[in-house]
Amino acid sequence: NAHPNIAPYGVFEAGDGYLILAAGTPKLWTALCLALDAHWMEHDPRFATNGDRVVNRSALTETLNGILAERERAYWLERLDRGGLPCAPILDVAQALSHPQLLHREMIVEQEHPTAGTIHSVGNPILFSQTQVSYRRPPPRLGEHTDQVLQWLGYGRDEIDRLSQEGAI
């Protein structure tokens, strides 16, 4: 996730979770030092320029993670955002699927699956004001459409049976 030519630019660990942060310009670097109450970093020769920060990326990452570990992610995200820094939380699957924006856009679709029962899946991200998306089928079971796909590709019934007997499909 790190940018090869910009530092800091990547994933960092706060006290209770991960966040992504980018400070690729001198102005953003100064803003980051201010947001972290780490003015001393601006004068550290290892971090003086972006080139220095790239060369010393591991020391920079260790330093930033040490500072960020002192507080919760929400605290840092609020400060970083207020400072105009590009940043965001990194969410786990449960957090992402319960995110207010995802729920507002009705992106979680509930369906009945023939073997799994009631399932929840991610919906179509393209929404139109006058055309509703419909979900007519649940996700397929493993191999459910193998025969149809192979027939569409030109395989005959005998060849499909042979492939199945050989364990290829």
N, C-alpha and C. Protein backbone atom coordinates (compact mmCIF):
# COMPACT_ATOMS: atom_id res chain seq x y z
N ASN A 1 0.79 -1.20 0.00
CA ASN A 1 0.00 0.00 0.00
C ASN A 1 0.84 1.27 0.00
N ALA A 2 2.11 1.15 0.21
CA ALA A 2 2.96 2.33 0.25
C ALA A 2 3.26 2.80 -1.18
N HIS A 3 3.36 4.11 -1.35
CA HIS A 3 3.74 4.68 -2.64
C HIS A 3 5.26 4.60 -2.74
N PRO A 4 5.79 4.18 -3.88
CA PRO A 4 7.25 4.00 -3.97
C PRO A 4 8.05 5.29 -3.91
N ASN A 5 7.44 6.42 -4.26
CA ASN A 5 8.19 7.68 -4.34
C ASN A 5 7.70 8.77 -3.39
N ILE A 6 6.76 8.44 -2.53
CA ILE A 6 6.22 9.43 -1.59
C ILE A 6 6.19 8.81 -0.20
N ALA A 7 6.63 9.57 0.78
CA ALA A 7 6.57 9.10 2.17
C ALA A 7 6.30 10.31 3.07
N PRO A 8 5.39 10.17 4.01
CA PRO A 8 4.56 9.00 4.27
C PRO A 8 3.37 8.93 3.30
N TYR A 9 3.09 7.72 2.89
CA TYR A 9 1.95 7.45 2.01
C TYR A 9 1.67 5.97 2.15
N GLY A 10 0.69 5.63 2.97
CA GLY A 10 0.39 4.22 3.16
C GLY A 10 -0.43 3.95 4.39
N VAL A 11 -0.29 2.75 4.90
CA VAL A 11 -1.07 2.27 6.04
C VAL A 11 -0.26 2.43 7.31
N PHE A 12 -0.94 2.96 8.34
CA PHE A 12 -0.31 3.17 9.64
C PHE A 12 -1.26 2.66 10.71
N GLU A 13 -0.69 2.38 11.89
CA GLU A 13 -1.49 1.76 12.95
C GLU A 13 -1.66 2.70 14.13
N ALA A 14 -2.93 3.04 14.38
CA ALA A 14 -3.27 3.83 15.56
C ALA A 14 -3.49 2.87 16.74
N GLY A 15 -3.90 3.42 17.86
CA GLY A 15 -4.06 2.62 19.06
C GLY A 15 -5.09 1.52 18.95
N ASP A 16 -6.09 1.70 18.10
CA ASP A 16 -7.16 0.70 18.02
C ASP A 16 -7.50 0.29 16.59
N GLY A 17 -6.64 0.58 15.65
CA GLY A 17 -6.94 0.16 14.28
C GLY A 17 -6.05 0.86 13.27
N TYR A 18 -6.22 0.47 12.04
CA TYR A 18 -5.38 0.98 10.97
C TYR A 18 -6.05 2.16 10.25
N LEU A 19 -5.18 2.99 9.67
CA LEU A 19 -5.65 4.10 8.85
C LEU A 19 -4.69 4.26 7.68
N ILE A 20 -5.18 4.93 6.65
CA ILE A 20 -4.31 5.25 5.52
C ILE A 20 -4.11 6.75 5.52
N LEU A 21 -2.90 7.15 5.17
CA LEU A 21 -2.50 8.54 5.28
C LEU A 21 -1.53 8.87 4.16
N ALA A 22 -1.65 10.08 3.62
CA ALA A 22 -0.73 10.54 2.58
C ALA A 22 -0.30 11.97 2.89
N ALA A 23 1.00 12.20 2.84
CA ALA A 23 1.54 13.55 3.03
C ALA A 23 2.68 13.73 2.04
N GLY A 24 2.32 13.90 0.77
CA GLY A 24 3.30 13.90 -0.30
C GLY A 24 3.86 15.24 -0.72
N THR A 25 3.46 16.31 -0.07
CA THR A 25 4.00 17.62 -0.42
C THR A 25 4.61 18.25 0.83
N PRO A 26 5.48 19.24 0.67
CA PRO A 26 6.02 19.93 1.86
C PRO A 26 4.93 20.52 2.74
N LYS A 27 3.90 21.07 2.12
CA LYS A 27 2.79 21.65 2.89
C LYS A 27 2.08 20.57 3.71
N LEU A 28 1.82 19.41 3.10
CA LEU A 28 1.16 18.32 3.83
C LEU A 28 2.07 17.74 4.90
N TRP A 29 3.37 17.68 4.65
CA TRP A 29 4.30 17.19 5.67
C TRP A 29 4.25 18.09 6.90
N THR A 30 4.27 19.40 6.68
CA THR A 30 4.18 20.35 7.80
C THR A 30 2.86 20.17 8.53
N ALA A 31 1.78 20.02 7.77
CA ALA A 31 0.45 19.83 8.38
C ALA A 31 0.41 18.54 9.20
N LEU A 32 1.08 17.50 8.72
CA LEU A 32 1.12 16.24 9.46
C LEU A 32 1.86 16.40 10.77
N CYS A 33 3.02 17.03 10.72
CA CYS A 33 3.79 17.25 11.95
C CYS A 33 2.97 18.05 12.96
N LEU A 34 2.23 19.04 12.48
CA LEU A 34 1.38 19.85 13.34
C LEU A 34 0.24 19.00 13.93
N ALA A 35 -0.43 18.22 13.08
CA ALA A 35 -1.56 17.40 13.54
C ALA A 35 -1.14 16.37 14.57
N LEU A 36 0.10 15.90 14.45
CA LEU A 36 0.60 14.89 15.39
C LEU A 36 1.30 15.48 16.60
N ASP A 37 1.35 16.83 16.69
CA ASP A 37 2.10 17.50 17.75
C ASP A 37 3.54 16.99 17.77
N ALA A 38 4.11 16.82 16.59
CA ALA A 38 5.47 16.29 16.47
C ALA A 38 6.31 17.25 15.61
N HIS A 39 6.36 18.50 16.05
CA HIS A 39 7.09 19.52 15.29
C HIS A 39 8.55 19.15 15.09
N TRP A 40 9.12 18.41 16.02
CA TRP A 40 10.51 18.00 15.94
C TRP A 40 10.81 17.21 14.67
N MET A 41 9.79 16.50 14.13
CA MET A 41 10.03 15.70 12.93
C MET A 41 10.40 16.57 11.73
N GLU A 42 9.88 17.78 11.68
CA GLU A 42 10.21 18.68 10.57
C GLU A 42 11.70 19.00 10.52
N HIS A 43 12.35 18.94 11.66
CA HIS A 43 13.77 19.31 11.75
C HIS A 43 14.69 18.10 11.81
N ASP A 44 14.12 16.91 11.80
CA ASP A 44 14.91 15.69 11.81
C ASP A 44 15.50 15.52 10.41
N PRO A 45 16.82 15.45 10.26
CA PRO A 45 17.43 15.36 8.93
C PRO A 45 17.01 14.11 8.15
N ARG A 46 16.59 13.07 8.85
CA ARG A 46 16.11 11.86 8.15
C ARG A 46 14.82 12.13 7.39
N PHE A 47 14.08 13.15 7.83
CA PHE A 47 12.75 13.41 7.29
C PHE A 47 12.63 14.79 6.65
N ALA A 48 13.74 15.46 6.40
CA ALA A 48 13.72 16.85 5.94
C ALA A 48 13.00 17.04 4.61
N THR A 49 13.24 16.15 3.67
CA THR A 49 12.58 16.25 2.36
C THR A 49 11.87 14.94 2.07
N ASN A 50 11.02 14.96 1.05
CA ASN A 50 10.35 13.73 0.66
C ASN A 50 11.38 12.66 0.30
N GLY A 51 12.44 13.04 -0.40
CA GLY A 51 13.49 12.08 -0.74
C GLY A 51 14.12 11.46 0.49
N ASP A 52 14.36 12.29 1.51
CA ASP A 52 14.90 11.78 2.77
C ASP A 52 13.92 10.82 3.43
N ARG A 53 12.64 11.18 3.39
CA ARG A 53 11.63 10.34 4.01
C ARG A 53 11.49 9.00 3.28
N VAL A 54 11.62 9.02 1.96
CA VAL A 54 11.56 7.77 1.19
C VAL A 54 12.75 6.88 1.55
N VAL A 55 13.95 7.45 1.60
CA VAL A 55 15.15 6.68 1.95
C VAL A 55 15.03 6.12 3.36
N ASN A 56 14.43 6.88 4.25
CA ASN A 56 14.29 6.48 5.67
C ASN A 56 12.87 6.04 5.99
N ARG A 57 12.21 5.45 5.01
CA ARG A 57 10.79 5.05 5.16
C ARG A 57 10.56 4.18 6.38
N SER A 58 11.39 3.19 6.62
CA SER A 58 11.13 2.29 7.76
C SER A 58 11.23 3.04 9.09
N ALA A 59 12.20 3.94 9.23
CA ALA A 59 12.30 4.73 10.46
C ALA A 59 11.11 5.67 10.57
N LEU A 60 10.69 6.25 9.45
CA LEU A 60 9.54 7.15 9.47
C LEU A 60 8.28 6.39 9.87
N THR A 61 8.08 5.23 9.27
CA THR A 61 6.90 4.42 9.59
C THR A 61 6.90 4.02 11.06
N GLU A 62 8.03 3.60 11.56
CA GLU A 62 8.15 3.23 12.97
C GLU A 62 7.83 4.43 13.87
N THR A 63 8.34 5.59 13.50
CA THR A 63 8.10 6.81 14.29
C THR A 63 6.62 7.17 14.27
N LEU A 64 6.03 7.17 13.08
CA LEU A 64 4.61 7.52 12.97
C LEU A 64 3.73 6.52 13.71
N ASN A 65 4.02 5.25 13.55
CA ASN A 65 3.22 4.24 14.26
C ASN A 65 3.35 4.40 15.77
N GLY A 66 4.53 4.77 16.25
CA GLY A 66 4.72 5.01 17.68
C GLY A 66 3.86 6.15 18.18
N ILE A 67 3.81 7.23 17.41
CA ILE A 67 2.97 8.38 17.80
C ILE A 67 1.50 8.00 17.72
N LEU A 68 1.10 7.40 16.60
CA LEU A 68 -0.31 7.07 16.38
C LEU A 68 -0.83 6.05 17.40
N ALA A 69 0.04 5.18 17.88
CA ALA A 69 -0.37 4.14 18.84
C ALA A 69 -0.82 4.74 20.17
N GLU A 70 -0.46 6.00 20.42
CA GLU A 70 -0.81 6.63 21.70
C GLU A 70 -2.28 6.99 21.83
N ARG A 71 -3.01 7.04 20.72
CA ARG A 71 -4.42 7.42 20.75
C ARG A 71 -5.24 6.55 19.82
N GLU A 72 -6.56 6.66 19.96
CA GLU A 72 -7.46 5.91 19.10
C GLU A 72 -7.50 6.50 17.70
N ARG A 73 -7.84 5.65 16.76
CA ARG A 73 -7.89 6.04 15.35
C ARG A 73 -8.81 7.23 15.10
N ALA A 74 -9.98 7.25 15.73
CA ALA A 74 -10.94 8.34 15.51
C ALA A 74 -10.33 9.69 15.91
N TYR A 75 -9.58 9.70 16.99
CA TYR A 75 -8.92 10.93 17.43
C TYR A 75 -7.98 11.43 16.35
N TRP A 76 -7.13 10.53 15.82
CA TRP A 76 -6.16 10.93 14.81
C TRP A 76 -6.84 11.31 13.50
N LEU A 77 -7.84 10.57 13.10
CA LEU A 77 -8.52 10.90 11.84
C LEU A 77 -9.16 12.29 11.90
N GLU A 78 -9.71 12.64 13.04
CA GLU A 78 -10.31 13.96 13.18
C GLU A 78 -9.23 15.03 13.06
N ARG A 79 -8.10 14.84 13.72
CA ARG A 79 -7.00 15.83 13.66
C ARG A 79 -6.40 15.90 12.26
N LEU A 80 -6.19 14.76 11.65
CA LEU A 80 -5.61 14.73 10.31
C LEU A 80 -6.54 15.38 9.30
N ASP A 81 -7.82 15.06 9.41
CA ASP A 81 -8.80 15.65 8.50
C ASP A 81 -8.87 17.17 8.69
N ARG A 82 -8.89 17.59 9.93
CA ARG A 82 -8.91 19.03 10.22
C ARG A 82 -7.67 19.73 9.65
N GLY A 83 -6.56 19.00 9.59
CA GLY A 83 -5.33 19.55 9.04
C GLY A 83 -5.25 19.49 7.53
N GLY A 84 -6.30 18.96 6.90
CA GLY A 84 -6.34 18.89 5.44
C GLY A 84 -5.55 17.75 4.84
N LEU A 85 -5.26 16.75 5.65
CA LEU A 85 -4.47 15.61 5.16
C LEU A 85 -5.37 14.52 4.58
N PRO A 86 -4.98 13.97 3.44
CA PRO A 86 -5.73 12.83 2.90
C PRO A 86 -5.57 11.64 3.84
N CYS A 87 -6.68 11.16 4.38
CA CYS A 87 -6.63 10.06 5.33
C CYS A 87 -7.99 9.39 5.40
N ALA A 88 -8.00 8.15 5.86
CA ALA A 88 -9.25 7.42 6.03
C ALA A 88 -8.99 6.21 6.92
N PRO A 89 -10.03 5.73 7.58
CA PRO A 89 -9.86 4.50 8.35
C PRO A 89 -9.78 3.31 7.41
N ILE A 90 -9.10 2.28 7.83
CA ILE A 90 -9.13 1.01 7.11
C ILE A 90 -10.06 0.11 7.91
N LEU A 91 -11.11 -0.30 7.26
CA LEU A 91 -12.17 -1.05 7.93
C LEU A 91 -12.03 -2.54 7.71
N ASP A 92 -12.42 -3.32 8.72
CA ASP A 92 -12.50 -4.75 8.49
C ASP A 92 -13.82 -5.03 7.78
N VAL A 93 -14.07 -6.26 7.42
CA VAL A 93 -15.26 -6.59 6.63
C VAL A 93 -16.54 -6.20 7.37
N ALA A 94 -16.63 -6.51 8.65
CA ALA A 94 -17.84 -6.19 9.40
C ALA A 94 -18.05 -4.69 9.47
N GLN A 95 -16.99 -3.93 9.69
CA GLN A 95 -17.10 -2.47 9.73
C GLN A 95 -17.51 -1.91 8.37
N ALA A 96 -16.92 -2.44 7.32
CA ALA A 96 -17.25 -1.96 5.97
C ALA A 96 -18.71 -2.25 5.63
N LEU A 97 -19.18 -3.44 5.96
CA LEU A 97 -20.54 -3.82 5.62
C LEU A 97 -21.59 -3.12 6.48
N SER A 98 -21.19 -2.52 7.58
CA SER A 98 -22.15 -1.77 8.41
C SER A 98 -21.91 -0.27 8.32
N HIS A 99 -21.08 0.15 7.36
CA HIS A 99 -20.77 1.58 7.20
C HIS A 99 -22.04 2.34 6.83
N PRO A 100 -22.29 3.49 7.43
CA PRO A 100 -23.52 4.25 7.16
C PRO A 100 -23.75 4.55 5.68
N GLN A 101 -22.70 4.84 4.94
CA GLN A 101 -22.87 5.14 3.51
C GLN A 101 -23.34 3.91 2.74
N LEU A 102 -22.79 2.76 3.09
CA LEU A 102 -23.20 1.52 2.44
C LEU A 102 -24.66 1.21 2.76
N LEU A 103 -25.03 1.42 4.01
CA LEU A 103 -26.42 1.17 4.41
C LEU A 103 -27.36 2.17 3.77
N HIS A 104 -26.98 3.42 3.71
CA HIS A 104 -27.82 4.46 3.09
C HIS A 104 -28.08 4.15 1.62
N ARG A 105 -27.07 3.65 0.94
CA ARG A 105 -27.22 3.33 -0.49
C ARG A 105 -27.84 1.95 -0.69
N GLU A 106 -28.24 1.30 0.41
CA GLU A 106 -28.86 -0.03 0.36
C GLU A 106 -28.02 -1.02 -0.43
N MET A 107 -26.74 -1.06 -0.09
CA MET A 107 -25.78 -1.89 -0.81
C MET A 107 -25.70 -3.32 -0.27
N ILE A 108 -26.38 -3.61 0.80
CA ILE A 108 -26.39 -4.97 1.32
C ILE A 108 -27.71 -5.62 0.92
N VAL A 109 -27.59 -6.69 0.15
CA VAL A 109 -28.75 -7.37 -0.40
C VAL A 109 -28.95 -8.68 0.35
N GLU A 110 -30.17 -8.91 0.79
CA GLU A 110 -30.51 -10.16 1.47
C GLU A 110 -31.23 -11.06 0.49
N GLN A 111 -30.77 -12.32 0.40
CA GLN A 111 -31.38 -13.28 -0.51
C GLN A 111 -31.44 -14.65 0.15
N GLU A 112 -32.32 -15.47 -0.37
CA GLU A 112 -32.37 -16.87 0.06
C GLU A 112 -31.51 -17.69 -0.88
N HIS A 113 -30.63 -18.49 -0.30
CA HIS A 113 -29.74 -19.34 -1.07
C HIS A 113 -30.18 -20.78 -0.85
N PRO A 114 -30.17 -21.62 -1.90
CA PRO A 114 -30.69 -22.98 -1.75
C PRO A 114 -29.94 -23.86 -0.75
N THR A 115 -28.67 -23.59 -0.49
CA THR A 115 -27.94 -24.41 0.48
C THR A 115 -27.47 -23.63 1.70
N ALA A 116 -27.30 -22.31 1.58
CA ALA A 116 -26.77 -21.51 2.68
C ALA A 116 -27.85 -20.80 3.49
N GLY A 117 -29.10 -20.87 3.03
CA GLY A 117 -30.17 -20.15 3.73
C GLY A 117 -30.14 -18.67 3.39
N THR A 118 -30.46 -17.84 4.36
CA THR A 118 -30.46 -16.39 4.13
C THR A 118 -29.02 -15.89 4.08
N ILE A 119 -28.69 -15.22 3.01
CA ILE A 119 -27.34 -14.67 2.86
C ILE A 119 -27.42 -13.17 2.63
N HIS A 120 -26.31 -12.50 2.90
CA HIS A 120 -26.18 -11.08 2.64
C HIS A 120 -25.01 -10.90 1.68
N SER A 121 -25.22 -10.13 0.64
CA SER A 121 -24.15 -9.88 -0.32
C SER A 121 -24.16 -8.40 -0.70
N VAL A 122 -23.09 -8.00 -1.35
CA VAL A 122 -22.97 -6.61 -1.77
C VAL A 122 -23.79 -6.42 -3.04
N GLY A 123 -24.55 -5.34 -3.06
CA GLY A 123 -25.41 -5.05 -4.20
C GLY A 123 -24.69 -4.31 -5.31
N ASN A 124 -25.43 -4.06 -6.36
CA ASN A 124 -24.92 -3.33 -7.51
C ASN A 124 -24.64 -1.88 -7.12
N PRO A 125 -23.42 -1.38 -7.35
CA PRO A 125 -23.10 -0.01 -6.95
C PRO A 125 -23.70 1.05 -7.87
N ILE A 126 -24.22 0.63 -9.02
CA ILE A 126 -24.81 1.59 -9.95
C ILE A 126 -26.30 1.68 -9.67
N LEU A 127 -26.73 2.82 -9.17
CA LEU A 127 -28.13 3.03 -8.83
C LEU A 127 -28.70 4.16 -9.68
N PHE A 128 -29.91 3.95 -10.19
CA PHE A 128 -30.59 4.96 -10.98
C PHE A 128 -31.85 5.39 -10.24
N SER A 129 -32.22 6.64 -10.41
CA SER A 129 -33.38 7.16 -9.69
C SER A 129 -34.70 6.56 -10.19
N GLN A 130 -34.77 6.18 -11.45
CA GLN A 130 -36.04 5.68 -11.98
C GLN A 130 -36.01 4.22 -12.41
N THR A 131 -34.89 3.57 -12.25
CA THR A 131 -34.77 2.16 -12.62
C THR A 131 -34.19 1.40 -11.43
N GLN A 132 -35.00 0.54 -10.86
CA GLN A 132 -34.56 -0.22 -9.70
C GLN A 132 -33.80 -1.47 -10.13
N VAL A 133 -32.75 -1.78 -9.41
CA VAL A 133 -32.01 -3.02 -9.63
C VAL A 133 -32.81 -4.15 -9.02
N SER A 134 -32.87 -5.28 -9.72
CA SER A 134 -33.54 -6.44 -9.12
C SER A 134 -32.53 -7.57 -9.00
N TYR A 135 -32.69 -8.34 -7.97
CA TYR A 135 -31.81 -9.47 -7.69
C TYR A 135 -32.67 -10.72 -7.76
N ARG A 136 -32.55 -11.43 -8.89
CA ARG A 136 -33.43 -12.57 -9.14
C ARG A 136 -32.85 -13.90 -8.68
N ARG A 137 -31.53 -13.97 -8.59
CA ARG A 137 -30.88 -15.23 -8.22
C ARG A 137 -29.79 -14.97 -7.20
N PRO A 138 -29.60 -15.92 -6.30
CA PRO A 138 -28.47 -15.80 -5.38
C PRO A 138 -27.18 -16.20 -6.10
N PRO A 139 -26.04 -15.98 -5.48
CA PRO A 139 -24.77 -16.41 -6.09
C PRO A 139 -24.81 -17.92 -6.36
N PRO A 140 -24.18 -18.35 -7.46
CA PRO A 140 -24.22 -19.79 -7.79
C PRO A 140 -23.39 -20.63 -6.83
N ARG A 141 -23.79 -21.88 -6.73
CA ARG A 141 -23.00 -22.85 -5.97
C ARG A 141 -21.80 -23.26 -6.82
N LEU A 142 -20.79 -23.79 -6.18
CA LEU A 142 -19.59 -24.22 -6.88
C LEU A 142 -19.94 -25.20 -8.00
N GLY A 143 -19.58 -24.84 -9.22
CA GLY A 143 -19.80 -25.71 -10.37
C GLY A 143 -21.21 -25.72 -10.90
N GLU A 144 -22.09 -24.90 -10.35
CA GLU A 144 -23.50 -24.94 -10.74
C GLU A 144 -23.72 -24.72 -12.23
N HIS A 145 -22.92 -23.89 -12.85
CA HIS A 145 -23.12 -23.56 -14.27
C HIS A 145 -22.01 -24.09 -15.18
N THR A 146 -21.22 -25.02 -14.67
CA THR A 146 -20.09 -25.53 -15.45
C THR A 146 -20.55 -26.10 -16.79
N ASP A 147 -21.57 -26.97 -16.77
CA ASP A 147 -22.03 -27.59 -18.01
C ASP A 147 -22.50 -26.54 -19.01
N GLN A 148 -23.29 -25.57 -18.56
CA GLN A 148 -23.81 -24.55 -19.48
C GLN A 148 -22.67 -23.73 -20.08
N VAL A 149 -21.67 -23.39 -19.26
CA VAL A 149 -20.55 -22.58 -19.77
C VAL A 149 -19.76 -23.39 -20.79
N LEU A 150 -19.47 -24.65 -20.48
CA LEU A 150 -18.70 -25.47 -21.41
C LEU A 150 -19.47 -25.70 -22.71
N GLN A 151 -20.77 -25.90 -22.61
CA GLN A 151 -21.58 -26.05 -23.83
C GLN A 151 -21.54 -24.77 -24.65
N TRP A 152 -21.62 -23.64 -24.00
CA TRP A 152 -21.56 -22.35 -24.68
C TRP A 152 -20.21 -22.18 -25.38
N LEU A 153 -19.15 -22.74 -24.78
CA LEU A 153 -17.81 -22.66 -25.38
C LEU A 153 -17.61 -23.69 -26.49
N GLY A 154 -18.61 -24.56 -26.71
CA GLY A 154 -18.53 -25.50 -27.83
C GLY A 154 -18.22 -26.93 -27.44
N TYR A 155 -18.13 -27.24 -26.17
CA TYR A 155 -17.87 -28.61 -25.75
C TYR A 155 -19.15 -29.43 -25.90
N GLY A 156 -18.98 -30.67 -26.35
CA GLY A 156 -20.13 -31.58 -26.47
C GLY A 156 -20.36 -32.31 -25.17
N ARG A 157 -21.52 -32.96 -25.09
CA ARG A 157 -21.91 -33.69 -23.87
C ARG A 157 -20.89 -34.77 -23.53
N ASP A 158 -20.42 -35.53 -24.54
CA ASP A 158 -19.46 -36.61 -24.29
C ASP A 158 -18.15 -36.06 -23.72
N GLU A 159 -17.69 -34.93 -24.28
CA GLU A 159 -16.44 -34.34 -23.80
C GLU A 159 -16.58 -33.80 -22.37
N ILE A 160 -17.72 -33.21 -22.08
CA ILE A 160 -17.98 -32.70 -20.72
C ILE A 160 -18.02 -33.86 -19.73
N ASP A 161 -18.67 -34.97 -20.12
CA ASP A 161 -18.72 -36.15 -19.24
C ASP A 161 -17.32 -36.71 -18.99
N ARG A 162 -16.48 -36.74 -20.05
CA ARG A 162 -15.12 -37.23 -19.91
C ARG A 162 -14.32 -36.35 -18.96
N LEU A 163 -14.42 -35.03 -19.13
CA LEU A 163 -13.72 -34.10 -18.25
C LEU A 163 -14.16 -34.30 -16.80
N SER A 164 -15.42 -34.52 -16.59
CA SER A 164 -15.94 -34.74 -15.24
C SER A 164 -15.41 -36.05 -14.65
N GLN A 165 -15.40 -37.12 -15.45
CA GLN A 165 -14.88 -38.41 -14.98
C GLN A 165 -13.40 -38.35 -14.64
N GLU A 166 -12.64 -37.51 -15.39
CA GLU A 166 -11.22 -37.38 -15.14
C GLU A 166 -10.91 -36.45 -13.97
N GLY A 167 -11.95 -35.79 -13.44
CA GLY A 167 -11.75 -34.90 -12.31
C GLY A 167 -11.27 -33.51 -12.71
N ALA A 168 -11.31 -33.21 -14.01
CA ALA A 168 -10.87 -31.89 -14.47
C ALA A 168 -11.90 -30.82 -14.15
N ILE A 169 -13.15 -31.23 -14.07
CA ILE A 169 -14.23 -30.30 -13.69
C ILE A 169 -15.08 -30.94 -12.62
